[in-house]
Protein backbone atom coordinates (compact mmCIF):
# COMPACT_ATOMS: atom_id res chain seq x y z
CA UNK A 1 -5.11 -12.31 -6.22
CA UNK A 2 -6.87 -10.61 -9.09
CA UNK A 3 -5.28 -11.22 -12.49
CA UNK A 4 -6.95 -8.09 -13.89
CA UNK A 5 -5.71 -5.90 -11.04
CA UNK A 6 -2.25 -7.40 -11.38
CA UNK A 7 -2.17 -6.50 -15.09
CA UNK A 8 -3.40 -2.98 -14.39
CA UNK A 9 -0.83 -2.41 -11.65
CA UNK A 10 1.99 -3.79 -13.81
CA UNK A 11 1.01 -1.39 -16.58
CA UNK A 12 0.84 1.54 -14.15
CA UNK A 13 4.19 0.55 -12.67
CA UNK A 14 5.83 0.16 -16.09
CA UNK A 15 4.57 3.63 -17.10
CA UNK A 16 5.51 5.23 -13.76
CA UNK A 17 1.90 6.23 -13.07
CA UNK A 18 1.30 7.51 -9.54
CA UNK A 19 -0.29 4.76 -7.46
CA UNK A 20 -1.96 5.77 -4.19
CA UNK A 21 -2.93 3.38 -1.38
CA UNK A 22 -4.19 3.82 2.17
CA UNK A 23 -4.28 1.57 5.24
CA UNK A 24 -4.45 -2.07 4.03
CA UNK A 25 -4.48 -0.86 0.42
CA UNK A 26 -0.86 -1.82 -0.30
CA UNK A 27 -2.06 -5.44 -0.13
CA UNK A 28 -3.53 -4.84 -3.59
CA UNK A 29 0.04 -4.56 -4.89
CA UNK A 30 0.39 -8.29 -4.25
CA UNK A 31 -1.81 -8.85 -7.31
CA UNK A 32 1.23 -8.04 -9.45
CA UNK A 33 2.40 -11.61 -8.66
CA UNK A 34 -0.59 -13.07 -10.53
CA UNK A 35 0.12 -15.03 -13.67
CA UNK A 36 3.53 -16.02 -12.32
CA UNK A 37 4.86 -12.48 -12.82
CA UNK A 38 7.55 -10.85 -10.72
CA UNK A 39 6.31 -8.68 -7.87
CA UNK A 40 6.47 -5.16 -9.29
CA UNK A 41 7.20 -3.28 -6.06
CA UNK A 42 10.14 -5.21 -4.59
CA UNK A 43 12.67 -2.79 -3.10
CA UNK A 44 10.10 -0.05 -2.51
CA UNK A 45 9.37 1.59 0.85
CA UNK A 46 5.80 1.93 2.05
CA UNK A 47 3.63 2.55 5.08
CA UNK A 48 0.56 0.46 5.86
CA UNK A 49 -1.67 -0.70 8.70
CA UNK A 50 0.70 -2.84 10.74
CA UNK A 51 0.23 -6.49 11.63
CA UNK A 52 0.81 -5.57 15.27
CA UNK A 53 -2.20 -3.27 15.27
CA UNK A 54 -4.27 -5.75 13.26
CA UNK A 55 -3.70 -8.22 16.09
CA UNK A 56 -5.32 -5.89 18.62
CA UNK A 57 -8.17 -4.37 16.60
CA UNK A 58 -10.79 -7.04 17.40
CA UNK A 59 -10.47 -6.17 21.09
CA UNK A 60 -11.81 -2.65 20.48
CA UNK A 61 -14.20 -3.40 17.63
CA UNK A 62 -12.26 -2.08 14.61
CA UNK A 63 -12.42 -5.54 13.04
CA UNK A 64 -14.88 -8.30 13.95
CA UNK A 65 -12.11 -10.89 14.29
CA UNK A 66 -8.51 -11.71 13.49
CA UNK A 67 -7.32 -11.06 9.96
CA UNK A 68 -6.99 -14.34 8.00
CA UNK A 69 -3.49 -13.32 6.82
CA UNK A 70 -0.99 -10.60 7.61
CA UNK A 71 -0.81 -7.70 5.18
CA UNK A 72 2.50 -6.26 6.40
CA UNK A 73 4.19 -9.66 6.51
CA UNK A 74 2.98 -10.54 3.00
CA UNK A 75 4.35 -7.28 1.61
CA UNK A 76 7.67 -7.62 3.41
CA UNK A 77 8.01 -11.20 2.16
CA UNK A 78 7.80 -9.81 -1.38
CA UNK A 79 10.49 -7.20 -0.71
CA UNK A 80 8.62 -4.05 0.28
CA UNK A 81 10.15 -2.31 3.29
CA UNK A 82 7.37 -1.19 5.65
CA UNK A 83 8.81 1.89 7.34
CA UNK A 84 6.19 2.47 10.04
CA UNK A 85 5.86 0.53 13.29
CA UNK A 86 2.52 2.05 14.31
CA UNK A 87 -0.25 4.14 12.83
CA UNK A 88 0.38 7.86 13.17
CA UNK A 89 -1.23 9.28 10.04
CA UNK A 90 2.10 9.04 8.22
CA UNK A 91 2.54 9.01 4.47
CA UNK A 92 5.41 7.86 2.28
CA UNK A 93 6.41 8.50 -1.31
CA UNK A 94 8.78 6.09 -3.07
CA UNK A 95 8.99 6.68 -6.78
CA UNK A 96 5.42 6.43 -8.11
CA UNK A 97 4.08 4.66 -4.99
CA UNK A 98 2.29 6.98 -2.55
CA UNK A 99 1.03 5.38 0.67
CA UNK A 100 -0.74 6.30 3.92
CA UNK A 101 -0.59 4.17 7.06
CA UNK A 102 -4.20 4.23 8.26
CA UNK A 103 -7.53 6.04 7.97
CA UNK A 104 -5.86 8.75 10.07
CA UNK A 105 -3.55 9.41 7.10
CA UNK A 106 -6.37 10.16 4.64
CA UNK A 107 -6.05 13.97 4.85
CA UNK A 108 -2.25 13.85 4.80
CA UNK A 109 -2.28 11.44 1.88
CA UNK A 110 -4.50 13.76 -0.12
CA UNK A 111 -2.22 16.71 0.59
CA UNK A 112 0.84 14.72 -0.50
CA UNK A 113 -0.71 12.96 -3.50
CA UNK A 114 -2.69 15.82 -5.08
CA UNK A 115 0.28 17.89 -6.29
CA UNK A 116 2.04 14.76 -7.58
CA UNK A 117 -1.07 13.77 -9.54
CA UNK A 118 -1.48 17.32 -10.91
CA UNK A 119 2.18 17.44 -11.96
CA UNK A 120 1.96 14.04 -13.60
CA UNK A 121 -1.21 15.00 -15.48
CA UNK A 122 0.40 18.24 -16.71
CA UNK A 123 3.30 16.34 -18.31
């Protein structure tokens, strides 16, 4: 857990700044627990690369081996509701948190996030 990233994400969260993550990216949100702080995204909904898929990816070469910890499980333990059960290219917006479930969501995430970022910048 990065203390610096945790501070940055807490500041972004406190200010309602749009925060965009893709695939395993929501794991970065766990840094908000650094320095004994409360997890900033408890109660949010998100999509991410699922633990179920992570368990199979070494068999087809996406990852060289098993993940050392489970991203989805770690997020759910902190109170994020992961709303996808597989990777379909889905995106989700919950307040300022904008997420995509996998590399297949990159295009969709850009389409969803760009107008939100433009609107936020215009304010």
